[in-house]
Protein backbone atom coordinates (compact mmCIF):
# COMPACT_ATOMS: atom_id res chain seq x y z
CA PHE A 1 0.00 0.00 0.00
CA THR A 2 1.39 3.42 -0.96
CA VAL A 3 0.23 6.88 -0.04
CA CYS A 4 0.84 9.86 -2.31
CA VAL A 5 2.39 12.76 -0.44
CA PRO A 6 1.90 16.04 -2.34
CA VAL A 7 4.58 18.69 -2.60
CA CYS A 8 2.77 21.01 -5.03
CA ASP A 9 -0.52 22.84 -4.56
CA ARG A 10 -3.99 22.11 -3.20
CA MET A 11 -5.19 20.52 -6.42
CA CYS A 12 -2.28 18.14 -6.17
CA MET A 13 -3.22 17.33 -2.59
CA TRP A 14 -6.71 16.21 -3.52
CA GLN A 15 -5.44 14.17 -6.46
CA ALA A 16 -2.96 12.48 -4.18
CA LEU A 17 -5.67 11.63 -1.66
CA LEU A 18 -8.22 10.36 -4.18
CA LEU A 19 -6.11 8.75 -6.90
CA PRO A 20 -3.35 6.12 -6.98
CA CYS A 21 0.21 7.37 -7.17
CA ALA A 22 0.96 8.55 -10.68
CA HIS A 23 4.75 8.55 -10.15
CA PRO A 24 6.63 5.60 -8.68
CA GLU A 25 9.43 7.95 -7.72
CA PRO A 26 9.38 11.57 -6.47
CA THR A 27 9.31 14.10 -9.30
CA LYS A 28 9.93 17.81 -9.50
CA CYS A 29 6.98 20.07 -8.96
CA GLN A 30 5.53 21.38 -12.18
CA PRO A 31 4.14 24.95 -12.18
CA GLY A 32 0.44 25.02 -11.55
CA GLY A 33 0.20 21.50 -10.15
CA GLY A 34 -2.83 19.80 -11.70
CA LYS A 35 -2.03 16.78 -13.86
CA HIS A 36 1.69 17.03 -13.16
CA CYS A 37 1.31 16.81 -9.42
CA ALA A 38 4.59 15.92 -7.71
CA THR A 39 4.33 13.08 -5.23
CA ALA A 40 6.47 10.88 -3.07
CA THR A 41 5.60 7.38 -1.93
CA VAL A 42 5.33 6.42 1.72
CA ARG A 43 5.46 2.73 2.57
CA LEU A 44 3.17 1.51 5.34
CA THR A 45 4.84 -0.92 7.75
CA PRO A 46 3.57 -2.48 10.98
CA ALA A 47 5.86 -0.18 12.97
CA ARG A 48 4.38 2.93 11.33
CA ILE A 49 0.85 1.61 11.75
CA TYR A 50 1.40 0.97 15.46
CA ALA A 51 2.69 4.50 15.99
CA GLY A 52 0.05 6.18 13.83
CA THR A 53 -2.92 4.41 15.39
CA ALA A 54 -1.62 5.03 18.92
CA ILE A 55 -1.36 8.76 18.24
CA ALA A 56 -4.77 8.94 16.55
CA VAL A 57 -6.61 7.04 19.27
CA ALA A 58 -4.88 8.95 22.08
CA ALA A 59 -5.73 12.30 20.49
CA ALA A 60 -9.34 11.30 19.87
CA SER A 61 -9.70 9.99 23.42
CA ALA A 62 -8.36 13.23 24.87
CA ALA A 63 -10.84 15.18 22.74
CA VAL A 64 -13.94 13.25 23.84
CA ILE A 65 -13.23 12.77 27.56
CA PRO A 66 -16.23 14.27 29.36
CA ALA A 67 -15.70 17.60 31.10
CA GLY A 68 -17.35 19.16 34.13
CA PRO A 69 -20.37 21.48 33.94
CA THR A 70 -18.16 24.60 34.10
CA ALA A 71 -15.84 23.47 31.30
CA ARG A 72 -16.94 26.28 28.97
CA GLN A 73 -15.93 28.91 31.51
CA GLN A 74 -12.76 27.23 32.72
CA SER A 75 -11.22 26.17 29.39
CA PRO A 76 -8.30 28.51 28.71
CA GLY A 77 -8.17 30.00 25.24
CA ALA A 78 -10.94 30.67 22.77
CA VAL A 79 -10.12 27.70 20.50
CA ARG A 80 -10.03 25.18 23.31
CA ALA A 81 -13.23 26.59 24.82
CA ALA A 82 -14.98 26.35 21.44
CA LEU A 83 -13.85 22.75 20.94
CA ARG A 84 -14.99 21.84 24.44
CA ALA A 85 -18.38 23.46 23.87
CA LEU A 86 -18.73 21.55 20.59
CA ARG A 87 -17.94 18.33 22.42
CA LEU A 88 -20.48 19.01 25.17
CA ASP A 89 -23.22 19.92 22.69
CA ASN A 90 -22.71 16.77 20.60
CA ASP A 91 -22.16 14.12 23.23
CA MET A 92 -23.59 11.08 21.44
CA ALA A 93 -22.04 11.94 18.08
CA ALA A 94 -18.62 12.46 19.65
CA LEU A 95 -18.76 9.13 21.48
CA LEU A 96 -19.87 7.28 18.34
CA ALA A 97 -17.10 8.91 16.28
CA HIS A 98 -14.57 7.86 18.91
CA GLY A 99 -15.92 4.32 18.81
CA ALA A 100 -15.80 4.17 15.00
CA LEU A 101 -12.18 5.34 15.02
CA ALA A 102 -11.28 2.69 17.59
CA ASP A 103 -13.07 0.04 15.50
CA ALA A 104 -11.18 0.98 12.35
CA ALA A 105 -7.90 1.08 14.27
CA ALA A 106 -8.60 -2.41 15.65
CA ASP A 107 -8.85 -4.00 12.20
CA VAL A 108 -5.87 -2.05 10.85
CA LEU A 109 -3.83 -3.21 13.83
CA ALA A 110 -5.03 -6.80 13.39
CA GLN A 111 -3.76 -6.78 9.81
CA ALA A 112 -0.50 -5.13 10.87
CA VAL A 113 0.07 -7.75 13.56
CA ALA A 114 -0.43 -10.51 10.97
CA VAL A 115 2.19 -8.91 8.71
CA ASP A 116 4.51 -8.35 11.68
CA SER A 117 4.23 -11.98 12.75
CA ALA A 118 4.90 -13.29 9.26
CA ARG A 119 7.52 -10.88 7.89
CA GLY A 120 8.59 -8.46 10.61
CA ARG A 121 7.87 -4.85 11.60
CA THR A 122 9.63 -3.32 8.62
CA ALA A 123 7.78 -5.34 5.96
CA THR A 124 5.28 -3.62 3.69
CA ALA A 125 1.72 -3.90 4.98
CA ASP A 126 -0.78 -4.12 2.13
CA LEU A 127 -3.94 -3.32 4.04
CA ASP A 128 -7.32 -4.58 2.89
CA TRP A 129 -9.44 -1.42 3.21
CA ARG A 130 -12.66 -3.23 2.33
CA ARG A 131 -12.05 -5.44 5.34
CA VAL A 132 -11.41 -2.34 7.48
CA ARG A 133 -14.72 -0.78 6.40
CA ARG A 134 -16.56 -4.05 6.96
CA SER A 135 -15.09 -4.59 10.43
CA THR A 136 -15.76 -0.98 11.43
CA LEU A 137 -19.41 -1.20 10.38
CA ALA A 138 -19.88 -4.57 12.09
CA ALA A 139 -18.40 -3.26 15.36
CA LEU A 140 -20.34 0.00 15.16
CA VAL A 141 -23.68 -1.78 14.70
CA SER A 142 -23.05 -4.70 17.06
CA ASP A 143 -21.20 -2.91 19.87
CA ASP A 144 -20.74 0.88 19.77
CA ILE A 145 -24.35 1.96 19.30
CA PRO A 146 -25.76 -0.76 21.60
CA PHE A 147 -23.23 0.00 24.35
CA LEU A 148 -24.16 3.68 24.33
CA LEU A 149 -27.74 2.67 25.04
CA TRP A 150 -26.77 -0.13 27.43
CA ALA A 151 -24.47 2.07 29.53
CA ARG A 152 -27.10 4.79 29.79
CA LEU A 153 -29.77 2.25 30.70
CA LEU A 154 -27.63 0.79 33.49
CA HIS A 155 -26.61 4.26 34.67
CA GLU A 156 -30.21 5.44 35.02
CA ALA A 157 -31.48 2.12 36.41
CA SER A 158 -28.79 2.09 39.10
CA HIS A 159 -29.91 5.53 40.32
CA ARG A 160 -33.49 4.33 40.65
CA TYR A 161 -32.31 1.16 42.37
CA VAL A 162 -30.24 3.12 44.92
CA LEU A 163 -33.18 5.36 45.81
CA ALA A 164 -35.55 2.41 46.15
CA ALA A 165 -33.06 0.39 48.25
CA ARG A 166 -32.53 3.25 50.66
CA ARG A 167 -36.28 3.60 51.15
CA VAL A 168 -37.07 -0.09 51.61
CA LEU A 169 -34.01 -1.78 53.13
CA SER A 170 -32.33 -1.32 56.48
CA PRO A 171 -29.46 1.21 56.44
CA PRO A 172 -26.63 -1.37 56.81
CA LEU A 173 -28.04 -3.60 54.05
CA ALA A 174 -28.78 -0.62 51.80
CA ARG A 175 -25.22 0.66 52.21
CA ALA A 176 -23.80 -2.73 51.27
CA LEU A 177 -26.02 -3.27 48.24
CA THR A 178 -25.69 0.29 46.93
CA HIS A 179 -21.94 0.60 47.43
CA PRO A 180 -20.20 1.62 44.17
CA ALA A 181 -18.26 -1.67 44.12
CA SER A 182 -21.48 -3.69 44.46
CA LEU A 183 -23.17 -1.70 41.70
CA ALA A 184 -20.14 -2.09 39.39
CA ALA A 185 -20.03 -5.86 40.00
CA THR A 186 -23.76 -6.20 39.27
CA LYS A 187 -23.47 -4.20 36.06
CA ALA A 188 -20.44 -6.23 34.99
CA LEU A 189 -22.29 -9.51 35.59
CA LEU A 190 -25.35 -8.37 33.64
CA SER A 191 -23.14 -7.13 30.81
CA GLN A 192 -21.32 -10.45 30.53
CA ILE A 193 -24.48 -12.55 30.53
CA VAL A 194 -26.76 -10.39 28.40
CA TYR A 195 -24.82 -7.76 26.49
CA GLU A 196 -21.67 -9.68 25.51
CA SER A 197 -23.69 -12.68 24.35
CA ALA A 198 -25.77 -10.51 22.03
CA THR A 199 -22.88 -8.46 20.67
CA ALA A 200 -20.73 -11.53 19.93
CA VAL A 201 -23.54 -13.11 17.91
CA ALA A 202 -24.18 -9.85 16.05
CA TYR A 203 -20.51 -9.18 15.22
CA LEU A 204 -19.74 -12.68 13.91
CA GLY A 205 -22.98 -12.84 11.95
CA LEU A 206 -22.57 -9.40 10.40
CA GLN A 207 -18.99 -10.09 9.35
CA ALA A 208 -19.98 -13.30 7.57
CA TYR A 209 -23.06 -11.72 6.01
CA MET A 210 -21.17 -8.69 4.68
CA ARG A 211 -18.58 -10.96 3.10
CA GLY A 212 -21.41 -12.18 0.87
CA GLY A 213 -22.26 -15.41 2.66
CA GLY A 214 -25.94 -14.78 3.27
CA ALA A 215 -28.01 -15.64 6.32
CA ALA A 216 -27.12 -19.36 6.32
CA GLU A 217 -23.40 -18.62 6.23
CA ALA A 218 -23.78 -16.03 8.98
CA TRP A 219 -25.54 -18.54 11.23
CA ALA A 220 -22.91 -21.20 10.51
CA GLU A 221 -20.20 -18.69 11.45
CA VAL A 222 -21.94 -17.93 14.73
CA ARG A 223 -22.36 -21.61 15.57
CA ALA A 224 -18.72 -22.40 14.85
CA LYS A 225 -17.11 -19.46 16.67
CA PHE A 226 -19.50 -18.08 19.29
CA TRP A 227 -18.52 -20.24 22.25
CA ARG A 228 -14.79 -19.55 21.99
CA VAL A 229 -15.40 -15.82 21.48
CA TRP A 230 -17.75 -15.65 24.46
CA VAL A 231 -15.33 -17.48 26.76
CA ASP A 232 -12.45 -15.25 25.69
CA GLY A 233 -14.67 -12.21 26.15
CA LEU A 234 -15.54 -13.40 29.64
CA ALA A 235 -11.85 -13.56 30.51
CA PHE A 236 -11.12 -10.16 28.96
CA PHE A 237 -14.12 -8.12 30.07
CA SER A 238 -14.65 -9.46 33.61
CA ALA A 239 -12.01 -7.14 35.05
CA THR A 240 -12.51 -4.49 32.35
CA TYR A 241 -16.18 -4.00 33.14
CA LEU A 242 -15.45 -3.63 36.86
CA VAL A 243 -13.26 -0.65 35.95
CA VAL A 244 -15.68 0.70 33.34
CA PHE A 245 -18.76 0.64 35.56
CA ALA A 246 -16.89 2.03 38.56
CA LEU A 247 -16.55 5.31 36.66
CA PRO A 248 -19.11 7.92 37.76
CA HIS A 249 -20.56 9.01 34.41
CA TYR A 250 -21.76 6.86 31.54
CA SER A 251 -19.95 9.02 28.93
CA MET A 252 -16.63 8.23 30.55
CA GLN A 253 -17.66 4.58 30.70
CA VAL A 254 -18.22 4.61 26.94
CA VAL A 255 -14.82 6.19 26.23
CA VAL A 256 -12.97 3.63 28.35
CA ASP A 257 -15.01 0.79 26.87
CA ASN A 258 -14.15 1.98 23.35
CA ILE A 259 -10.45 1.84 24.19
CA ALA A 260 -10.74 -1.59 25.77
CA SER A 261 -12.86 -2.85 22.88
CA LEU A 262 -10.15 -1.75 20.46
CA VAL A 263 -7.95 -4.50 21.91
CA PHE A 264 -10.70 -7.12 21.91
CA ASN A 265 -11.89 -6.15 18.43
CA MET A 266 -8.40 -6.88 17.12
CA TYR A 267 -8.97 -10.42 18.34
CA LEU A 268 -12.53 -10.50 16.95
CA SER A 269 -11.34 -9.33 13.55
CA HIS A 270 -8.72 -12.07 13.49
CA VAL A 271 -11.24 -14.74 14.52
CA SER A 272 -13.94 -13.60 12.10
CA HIS A 273 -11.51 -13.72 9.15
CA ARG A 274 -10.00 -17.06 10.14
CA LYS A 275 -11.21 -20.13 8.29
CA ARG A 276 -13.59 -21.90 10.61
CA GLY A 277 -13.42 -25.51 11.62
CA PRO A 278 -16.34 -27.82 12.42
CA PRO A 279 -18.95 -26.61 14.93
CA VAL A 280 -18.09 -27.12 18.58
CA PRO A 281 -19.60 -30.19 20.29
CA HIS A 282 -23.17 -29.94 21.50
CA SER A 283 -22.12 -30.12 25.16
CA ASN A 284 -20.09 -26.94 24.75
CA SER A 285 -22.41 -25.11 22.40
CA PHE A 286 -25.07 -22.50 23.11
CA CYS A 287 -27.40 -23.99 20.54
CA PRO A 288 -28.52 -27.52 19.55
CA ARG A 289 -27.26 -29.23 16.46
């Protein structure tokens, strides 16, 4: 994979972004740019991909971290204050954009790791951008959008539960059952049993369906890979969800979950694109033969 890097004018920049490289080697800039746009080739390697994705995700995470109610007044500088106000006024959109970036980064990193393992960090990484788009869409539909709703549902339900427990139960029991650690553990348990089961089925099925396999192929993919994915997700998210749901605000929970899901989605992308074996035995399967 090569990226055209323009050294001429703005017209050249857009040609370089939208079209394949016209020159295998750097050329001198022609007056006026246009058709004779001067470019240089940049080779993508796993090492460059690791660095680029780390910077992009870190910058995006810093931009979407929720701020306090007085952030508009306290943010120093007009530009920073304007960006913070934009973030606060578009909460859901900002969180979804952060999730989509993390999803795309996960598949790019999964492909880079495969190249790294086979040929080393300095080898050329020919990324499959159709796969990146497919994985990003599958993760967005199966995880990012549902988790926004799930986290808000749990956040609001826990507040109602705390108020009801304090009215009905004795003070010592109410304090124990409404302690932040108890609430986080309950949310984590519910998420593993209900949410992770649903999102694993949706991700595997969507990946197979979007590869052109149809509904039957999607169901076969789920049957063959669901159990292993769910068990691995249980190991990965058990501790992760305790941290996520211990955070005070659901927006922060979503940001941290997006970052954690980036790591797990690398694994999911690898599993979903791996040739499947026979279905797991009935005794270990979630569905009958």
